[in-house]
Amino acid sequence: MAELTYEIKECLGVLSENAKGWTKELNLISWNGRDPKYDIREWSPDHTRMGKGVTLSDEEFETLKAIINGEVTDDDEAGIL
């Protein structure tokens, strides 16, 4: 199995922190040298270990923002699904 490499290009914000110091973060991350993508996951305090997460393309991130901001109607969502 190939080794997974990553580089956190930009930390956009910490969403929460648990009692053990792990933080759930929104970051721009380059996975295996590819273009950075938006990523939400938990990280150990030193960022050497991570939990499962969700990685979003620019388009998916913009759609998520629109949904959160109430800018997407049911008709819009039907076109995506």
PDB file of N, CA and C in Angstrom:
ATOM      1  N   MET A   1       0.837  -1.177   0.000  1.00  0.00           N
ATOM      2  CA  MET A   1       0.000   0.000   0.000  1.00  0.00           C
ATOM      3  C   MET A   1       0.886   1.247   0.000  1.00  0.00           C
ATOM      4  N   ALA A   2       0.576   2.204  -0.862  1.00  0.00           N
ATOM      5  CA  ALA A   2       1.367   3.422  -0.976  1.00  0.00           C
ATOM      6  C   ALA A   2       1.191   4.298   0.256  1.00  0.00           C
ATOM      7  N   GLU A   3       2.249   5.006   0.591  1.00  0.00           N
ATOM      8  CA  GLU A   3       2.214   5.900   1.745  1.00  0.00           C
ATOM      9  C   GLU A   3       1.393   7.143   1.436  1.00  0.00           C
ATOM     10  N   LEU A   4       0.570   7.547   2.380  1.00  0.00           N
ATOM     11  CA  LEU A   4      -0.250   8.745   2.243  1.00  0.00           C
ATOM     12  C   LEU A   4       0.565   9.942   2.709  1.00  0.00           C
ATOM     13  N   THR A   5       0.659  10.949   1.858  1.00  0.00           N
ATOM     14  CA  THR A   5       1.334  12.176   2.255  1.00  0.00           C
ATOM     15  C   THR A   5       0.333  13.315   2.225  1.00  0.00           C
ATOM     16  N   TYR A   6       0.570  14.293   3.073  1.00  0.00           N
ATOM     17  CA  TYR A   6      -0.314  15.451   3.112  1.00  0.00           C
ATOM     18  C   TYR A   6       0.464  16.687   3.553  1.00  0.00           C
ATOM     19  N   GLU A   7      -0.022  17.821   3.130  1.00  0.00           N
ATOM     20  CA  GLU A   7       0.527  19.099   3.570  1.00  0.00           C
ATOM     21  C   GLU A   7      -0.644  20.037   3.812  1.00  0.00           C
ATOM     22  N   ILE A   8      -0.755  20.515   5.038  1.00  0.00           N
ATOM     23  CA  ILE A   8      -1.792  21.486   5.354  1.00  0.00           C
ATOM     24  C   ILE A   8      -1.330  22.828   4.791  1.00  0.00           C
ATOM     25  N   LYS A   9      -2.015  23.277   3.752  1.00  0.00           N
ATOM     26  CA  LYS A   9      -1.643  24.528   3.088  1.00  0.00           C
ATOM     27  C   LYS A   9      -2.166  25.744   3.847  1.00  0.00           C
ATOM     28  N   GLU A  10      -3.372  25.597   4.423  1.00  0.00           N
ATOM     29  CA  GLU A  10      -3.966  26.715   5.153  1.00  0.00           C
ATOM     30  C   GLU A  10      -4.971  26.180   6.163  1.00  0.00           C
ATOM     31  N   CYS A  11      -4.839  26.627   7.403  1.00  0.00           N
ATOM     32  CA  CYS A  11      -5.816  26.289   8.430  1.00  0.00           C
ATOM     33  C   CYS A  11      -6.889  27.373   8.399  1.00  0.00           C
ATOM     34  N   LEU A  12      -8.100  26.992   8.018  1.00  0.00           N
ATOM     35  CA  LEU A  12      -9.184  27.958   7.879  1.00  0.00           C
ATOM     36  C   LEU A  12      -9.950  28.160   9.175  1.00  0.00           C
ATOM     37  N   GLY A  13      -9.869  27.188  10.093  1.00  0.00           N
ATOM     38  CA  GLY A  13     -10.529  27.365  11.378  1.00  0.00           C
ATOM     39  C   GLY A  13     -10.677  26.084  12.154  1.00  0.00           C
ATOM     40  N   VAL A  14     -10.761  26.237  13.474  1.00  0.00           N
ATOM     41  CA  VAL A  14     -10.997  25.116  14.380  1.00  0.00           C
ATOM     42  C   VAL A  14     -12.477  25.127  14.741  1.00  0.00           C
ATOM     43  N   LEU A  15     -13.150  24.008  14.516  1.00  0.00           N
ATOM     44  CA  LEU A  15     -14.578  23.903  14.792  1.00  0.00           C
ATOM     45  C   LEU A  15     -14.847  23.516  16.236  1.00  0.00           C
ATOM     46  N   SER A  16     -13.986  22.655  16.799  1.00  0.00           N
ATOM     47  CA  SER A  16     -14.157  22.227  18.190  1.00  0.00           C
ATOM     48  C   SER A  16     -12.878  21.569  18.668  1.00  0.00           C
ATOM     49  N   GLU A  17     -12.814  21.357  20.000  1.00  0.00           N
ATOM     50  CA  GLU A  17     -11.692  20.657  20.618  1.00  0.00           C
ATOM     51  C   GLU A  17     -12.235  19.720  21.678  1.00  0.00           C
ATOM     52  N   ASN A  18     -11.709  18.483  21.715  1.00  0.00           N
ATOM     53  CA  ASN A  18     -12.188  17.537  22.721  1.00  0.00           C
ATOM     54  C   ASN A  18     -11.271  17.551  23.949  1.00  0.00           C
ATOM     55  N   ALA A  19     -11.623  16.768  24.956  1.00  0.00           N
ATOM     56  CA  ALA A  19     -10.900  16.760  26.229  1.00  0.00           C
ATOM     57  C   ALA A  19      -9.449  16.292  26.081  1.00  0.00           C
ATOM     58  N   LYS A  20      -9.158  15.524  25.045  1.00  0.00           N
ATOM     59  CA  LYS A  20      -7.793  15.029  24.832  1.00  0.00           C
ATOM     60  C   LYS A  20      -6.953  15.979  23.987  1.00  0.00           C
ATOM     61  N   GLY A  21      -7.525  17.112  23.602  1.00  0.00           N
ATOM     62  CA  GLY A  21      -6.777  18.101  22.833  1.00  0.00           C
ATOM     63  C   GLY A  21      -6.887  17.964  21.327  1.00  0.00           C
ATOM     64  N   TRP A  22      -7.599  16.934  20.850  1.00  0.00           N
ATOM     65  CA  TRP A  22      -7.800  16.792  19.413  1.00  0.00           C
ATOM     66  C   TRP A  22      -8.754  17.884  18.941  1.00  0.00           C
ATOM     67  N   THR A  23      -8.490  18.443  17.769  1.00  0.00           N
ATOM     68  CA  THR A  23      -9.329  19.503  17.227  1.00  0.00           C
ATOM     69  C   THR A  23      -9.969  19.062  15.919  1.00  0.00           C
ATOM     70  N   LYS A  24     -11.220  19.462  15.742  1.00  0.00           N
ATOM     71  CA  LYS A  24     -11.899  19.259  14.457  1.00  0.00           C
ATOM     72  C   LYS A  24     -11.678  20.549  13.686  1.00  0.00           C
ATOM     73  N   GLU A  25     -11.077  20.432  12.500  1.00  0.00           N
ATOM     74  CA  GLU A  25     -10.626  21.607  11.756  1.00  0.00           C
ATOM     75  C   GLU A  25     -11.123  21.609  10.317  1.00  0.00           C
ATOM     76  N   LEU A  26     -11.233  22.817   9.790  1.00  0.00           N
ATOM     77  CA  LEU A  26     -11.442  23.031   8.362  1.00  0.00           C
ATOM     78  C   LEU A  26     -10.121  23.555   7.814  1.00  0.00           C
ATOM     79  N   ASN A  27      -9.527  22.786   6.912  1.00  0.00           N
ATOM     80  CA  ASN A  27      -8.232  23.141   6.335  1.00  0.00           C
ATOM     81  C   ASN A  27      -8.252  22.992   4.822  1.00  0.00           C
ATOM     82  N   LEU A  28      -7.289  23.634   4.179  1.00  0.00           N
ATOM     83  CA  LEU A  28      -6.969  23.348   2.778  1.00  0.00           C
ATOM     84  C   LEU A  28      -5.764  22.416   2.816  1.00  0.00           C
ATOM     85  N   ILE A  29      -5.915  21.207   2.277  1.00  0.00           N
ATOM     86  CA  ILE A  29      -4.861  20.196   2.363  1.00  0.00           C
ATOM     87  C   ILE A  29      -4.532  19.650   0.977  1.00  0.00           C
ATOM     88  N   SER A  30      -3.250  19.518   0.736  1.00  0.00           N
ATOM     89  CA  SER A  30      -2.762  18.843  -0.471  1.00  0.00           C
ATOM     90  C   SER A  30      -2.485  17.396  -0.093  1.00  0.00           C
ATOM     91  N   TRP A  31      -3.212  16.468  -0.703  1.00  0.00           N
ATOM     92  CA  TRP A  31      -3.035  15.034  -0.461  1.00  0.00           C
ATOM     93  C   TRP A  31      -2.175  14.453  -1.571  1.00  0.00           C
ATOM     94  N   ASN A  32      -1.090  13.796  -1.205  1.00  0.00           N
ATOM     95  CA  ASN A  32      -0.188  13.140  -2.163  1.00  0.00           C
ATOM     96  C   ASN A  32       0.285  14.082  -3.270  1.00  0.00           C
ATOM     97  N   GLY A  33       0.556  15.337  -2.897  1.00  0.00           N
ATOM     98  CA  GLY A  33       1.100  16.308  -3.845  1.00  0.00           C
ATOM     99  C   GLY A  33       0.102  16.894  -4.825  1.00  0.00           C
ATOM    100  N   ARG A  34      -1.173  16.564  -4.659  1.00  0.00           N
ATOM    101  CA  ARG A  34      -2.204  17.087  -5.580  1.00  0.00           C
ATOM    102  C   ARG A  34      -2.630  18.484  -5.156  1.00  0.00           C
ATOM    103  N   ASP A  35      -3.485  19.097  -5.992  1.00  0.00           N
ATOM    104  CA  ASP A  35      -4.023  20.413  -5.665  1.00  0.00           C
ATOM    105  C   ASP A  35      -4.762  20.357  -4.334  1.00  0.00           C
ATOM    106  N   PRO A  36      -4.671  21.411  -3.531  1.00  0.00           N
ATOM    107  CA  PRO A  36      -5.340  21.416  -2.226  1.00  0.00           C
ATOM    108  C   PRO A  36      -6.859  21.327  -2.351  1.00  0.00           C
ATOM    109  N   LYS A  37      -7.471  20.661  -1.373  1.00  0.00           N
ATOM    110  CA  LYS A  37      -8.924  20.551  -1.283  1.00  0.00           C
ATOM    111  C   LYS A  37      -9.339  20.929   0.131  1.00  0.00           C
ATOM    112  N   TYR A  38     -10.598  21.306   0.263  1.00  0.00           N
ATOM    113  CA  TYR A  38     -11.142  21.604   1.589  1.00  0.00           C
ATOM    114  C   TYR A  38     -11.312  20.297   2.335  1.00  0.00           C
ATOM    115  N   ASP A  39     -10.994  20.319   3.619  1.00  0.00           N
ATOM    116  CA  ASP A  39     -10.982  19.090   4.390  1.00  0.00           C
ATOM    117  C   ASP A  39     -11.467  19.371   5.810  1.00  0.00           C
ATOM    118  N   ILE A  40     -12.399  18.538   6.292  1.00  0.00           N
ATOM    119  CA  ILE A  40     -12.894  18.625   7.665  1.00  0.00           C
ATOM    120  C   ILE A  40     -12.588  17.294   8.336  1.00  0.00           C
ATOM    121  N   ARG A  41     -11.782  17.326   9.414  1.00  0.00           N
ATOM    122  CA  ARG A  41     -11.459  16.109  10.160  1.00  0.00           C
ATOM    123  C   ARG A  41     -10.841  16.488  11.498  1.00  0.00           C
ATOM    124  N   GLU A  42     -10.715  15.477  12.371  1.00  0.00           N
ATOM    125  CA  GLU A  42     -10.075  15.679  13.663  1.00  0.00           C
ATOM    126  C   GLU A  42      -8.575  15.430  13.540  1.00  0.00           C
ATOM    127  N   TRP A  43      -7.806  16.246  14.278  1.00  0.00           N
ATOM    128  CA  TRP A  43      -6.353  16.159  14.275  1.00  0.00           C
ATOM    129  C   TRP A  43      -5.826  16.081  15.697  1.00  0.00           C
ATOM    130  N   SER A  44      -4.751  15.311  15.879  1.00  0.00           N
ATOM    131  CA  SER A  44      -4.061  15.292  17.165  1.00  0.00           C
ATOM    132  C   SER A  44      -3.426  16.674  17.372  1.00  0.00           C
ATOM    133  N   PRO A  45      -3.072  17.001  18.615  1.00  0.00           N
ATOM    134  CA  PRO A  45      -2.504  18.329  18.876  1.00  0.00           C
ATOM    135  C   PRO A  45      -1.286  18.683  18.020  1.00  0.00           C
ATOM    136  N   ASP A  46      -0.455  17.687  17.680  1.00  0.00           N
ATOM    137  CA  ASP A  46       0.739  17.969  16.867  1.00  0.00           C
ATOM    138  C   ASP A  46       0.533  17.710  15.371  1.00  0.00           C
ATOM    139  N   HIS A  47      -0.686  17.404  14.973  1.00  0.00           N
ATOM    140  CA  HIS A  47      -1.052  17.155  13.565  1.00  0.00           C
ATOM    141  C   HIS A  47      -0.315  15.978  12.931  1.00  0.00           C
ATOM    142  N   THR A  48       0.143  15.025  13.752  1.00  0.00           N
ATOM    143  CA  THR A  48       0.795  13.835  13.195  1.00  0.00           C
ATOM    144  C   THR A  48      -0.183  12.684  13.016  1.00  0.00           C
ATOM    145  N   ARG A  49      -1.346  12.766  13.681  1.00  0.00           N
ATOM    146  CA  ARG A  49      -2.385  11.741  13.537  1.00  0.00           C
ATOM    147  C   ARG A  49      -3.699  12.430  13.223  1.00  0.00           C
ATOM    148  N   MET A  50      -4.554  11.690  12.515  1.00  0.00           N
ATOM    149  CA  MET A  50      -5.824  12.263  12.095  1.00  0.00           C
ATOM    150  C   MET A  50      -6.923  11.230  12.200  1.00  0.00           C
ATOM    151  N   GLY A  51      -8.156  11.709  12.299  1.00  0.00           N
ATOM    152  CA  GLY A  51      -9.323  10.851  12.259  1.00  0.00           C
ATOM    153  C   GLY A  51      -9.898  10.843  10.854  1.00  0.00           C
ATOM    154  N   LYS A  52     -10.968  10.092  10.692  1.00  0.00           N
ATOM    155  CA  LYS A  52     -11.660  10.079   9.402  1.00  0.00           C
ATOM    156  C   LYS A  52     -12.256  11.453   9.156  1.00  0.00           C
ATOM    157  N   GLY A  53     -12.350  11.808   7.895  1.00  0.00           N
ATOM    158  CA  GLY A  53     -12.868  13.124   7.571  1.00  0.00           C
ATOM    159  C   GLY A  53     -13.563  13.162   6.235  1.00  0.00           C
ATOM    160  N   VAL A  54     -13.852  14.373   5.817  1.00  0.00           N
ATOM    161  CA  VAL A  54     -14.521  14.626   4.545  1.00  0.00           C
ATOM    162  C   VAL A  54     -13.668  15.616   3.765  1.00  0.00           C
ATOM    163  N   THR A  55     -13.402  15.279   2.507  1.00  0.00           N
ATOM    164  CA  THR A  55     -12.644  16.164   1.629  1.00  0.00           C
ATOM    165  C   THR A  55     -13.573  16.642   0.520  1.00  0.00           C
ATOM    166  N   LEU A  56     -13.538  17.953   0.266  1.00  0.00           N
ATOM    167  CA  LEU A  56     -14.458  18.565  -0.694  1.00  0.00           C
ATOM    168  C   LEU A  56     -13.693  19.315  -1.775  1.00  0.00           C
ATOM    169  N   SER A  57     -14.160  19.187  -3.015  1.00  0.00           N
ATOM    170  CA  SER A  57     -13.622  20.000  -4.110  1.00  0.00           C
ATOM    171  C   SER A  57     -14.076  21.442  -3.912  1.00  0.00           C
ATOM    172  N   ASP A  58     -13.538  22.356  -4.688  1.00  0.00           N
ATOM    173  CA  ASP A  58     -13.974  23.751  -4.619  1.00  0.00           C
ATOM    174  C   ASP A  58     -15.475  23.866  -4.872  1.00  0.00           C
ATOM    175  N   GLU A  59     -15.963  23.139  -5.875  1.00  0.00           N
ATOM    176  CA  GLU A  59     -17.393  23.201  -6.225  1.00  0.00           C
ATOM    177  C   GLU A  59     -18.255  22.654  -5.085  1.00  0.00           C
ATOM    178  N   GLU A  60     -17.849  21.532  -4.508  1.00  0.00           N
ATOM    179  CA  GLU A  60     -18.605  20.958  -3.391  1.00  0.00           C
ATOM    180  C   GLU A  60     -18.610  21.894  -2.187  1.00  0.00           C
ATOM    181  N   PHE A  61     -17.474  22.547  -1.926  1.00  0.00           N
ATOM    182  CA  PHE A  61     -17.396  23.481  -0.802  1.00  0.00           C
ATOM    183  C   PHE A  61     -18.320  24.676  -1.032  1.00  0.00           C
ATOM    184  N   GLU A  62     -18.347  25.199  -2.252  1.00  0.00           N
ATOM    185  CA  GLU A  62     -19.229  26.327  -2.562  1.00  0.00           C
ATOM    186  C   GLU A  62     -20.690  25.923  -2.422  1.00  0.00           C
ATOM    187  N   THR A  63     -21.042  24.708  -2.839  1.00  0.00           N
ATOM    188  CA  THR A  63     -22.408  24.214  -2.679  1.00  0.00           C
ATOM    189  C   THR A  63     -22.761  24.081  -1.202  1.00  0.00           C
ATOM    190  N   LEU A  64     -21.845  23.550  -0.412  1.00  0.00           N
ATOM    191  CA  LEU A  64     -22.077  23.431   1.032  1.00  0.00           C
ATOM    192  C   LEU A  64     -22.305  24.801   1.666  1.00  0.00           C
ATOM    193  N   LYS A  65     -21.489  25.784   1.296  1.00  0.00           N
ATOM    194  CA  LYS A  65     -21.672  27.144   1.819  1.00  0.00           C
ATOM    195  C   LYS A  65     -23.050  27.684   1.451  1.00  0.00           C
ATOM    196  N   ALA A  66     -23.476  27.461   0.211  1.00  0.00           N
ATOM    197  CA  ALA A  66     -24.786  27.935  -0.234  1.00  0.00           C
ATOM    198  C   ALA A  66     -25.907  27.266   0.553  1.00  0.00           C
ATOM    199  N   ILE A  67     -25.772  25.976   0.817  1.00  0.00           N
ATOM    200  CA  ILE A  67     -26.780  25.263   1.604  1.00  0.00           C
ATOM    201  C   ILE A  67     -26.840  25.838   3.012  1.00  0.00           C
ATOM    202  N   ILE A  68     -25.690  26.021   3.642  1.00  0.00           N
ATOM    203  CA  ILE A  68     -25.647  26.566   5.000  1.00  0.00           C
ATOM    204  C   ILE A  68     -26.237  27.970   5.046  1.00  0.00           C
ATOM    205  N   ASN A  69     -25.981  28.752   4.028  1.00  0.00           N
ATOM    206  CA  ASN A  69     -26.484  30.128   3.983  1.00  0.00           C
ATOM    207  C   ASN A  69     -27.931  30.220   3.517  1.00  0.00           C
ATOM    208  N   GLY A  70     -28.568  29.074   3.255  1.00  0.00           N
ATOM    209  CA  GLY A  70     -29.962  29.064   2.828  1.00  0.00           C
ATOM    210  C   GLY A  70     -30.167  29.553   1.414  1.00  0.00           C
ATOM    211  N   GLU A  71     -29.136  29.476   0.595  1.00  0.00           N
ATOM    212  CA  GLU A  71     -29.201  29.976  -0.776  1.00  0.00           C
ATOM    213  C   GLU A  71     -29.583  28.903  -1.786  1.00  0.00           C
ATOM    214  N   VAL A  72     -29.771  27.671  -1.328  1.00  0.00           N
ATOM    215  CA  VAL A  72     -30.121  26.565  -2.221  1.00  0.00           C
ATOM    216  C   VAL A  72     -31.572  26.194  -1.953  1.00  0.00           C
ATOM    217  N   THR A  73     -32.356  26.163  -3.019  1.00  0.00           N
ATOM    218  CA  THR A  73     -33.761  25.777  -2.888  1.00  0.00           C
ATOM    219  C   THR A  73     -33.895  24.279  -3.122  1.00  0.00           C
ATOM    220  N   ASP A  74     -35.067  23.732  -2.817  1.00  0.00           N
ATOM    221  CA  ASP A  74     -35.314  22.311  -3.064  1.00  0.00           C
ATOM    222  C   ASP A  74     -35.119  21.980  -4.542  1.00  0.00           C
ATOM    223  N   ASP A  75     -35.526  22.893  -5.432  1.00  0.00           N
ATOM    224  CA  ASP A  75     -35.361  22.671  -6.871  1.00  0.00           C
ATOM    225  C   ASP A  75     -33.880  22.589  -7.236  1.00  0.00           C
ATOM    226  N   ASP A  76     -33.068  23.442  -6.617  1.00  0.00           N
ATOM    227  CA  ASP A  76     -31.623  23.411  -6.869  1.00  0.00           C
ATOM    228  C   ASP A  76     -31.031  22.072  -6.440  1.00  0.00           C
ATOM    229  N   GLU A  77     -31.411  21.615  -5.243  1.00  0.00           N
ATOM    230  CA  GLU A  77     -30.894  20.362  -4.726  1.00  0.00           C
ATOM    231  C   GLU A  77     -31.255  19.180  -5.608  1.00  0.00           C
ATOM    232  N   ALA A  78     -32.460  19.220  -6.179  1.00  0.00           N
ATOM    233  CA  ALA A  78     -32.900  18.132  -7.046  1.00  0.00           C
ATOM    234  C   ALA A  78     -31.981  18.007  -8.258  1.00  0.00           C
ATOM    235  N   GLY A  79     -31.483  19.122  -8.748  1.00  0.00           N
ATOM    236  CA  GLY A  79     -30.582  19.102  -9.895  1.00  0.00           C
ATOM    237  C   GLY A  79     -29.226  18.524  -9.560  1.00  0.00           C
ATOM    238  N   ILE A  80     -28.794  18.657  -8.313  1.00  0.00           N
ATOM    239  CA  ILE A  80     -27.495  18.148  -7.894  1.00  0.00           C
ATOM    240  C   ILE A  80     -27.557  16.653  -7.676  1.00  0.00           C
ATOM    241  N   LEU A  81     -28.622  16.204  -7.022  1.00  0.00           N
ATOM    242  CA  LEU A  81     -28.756  14.791  -6.680  1.00  0.00           C
ATOM    243  C   LEU A  81     -29.084  14.047  -7.929  1.00  0.00           C
TER     244      LEU A  81
END
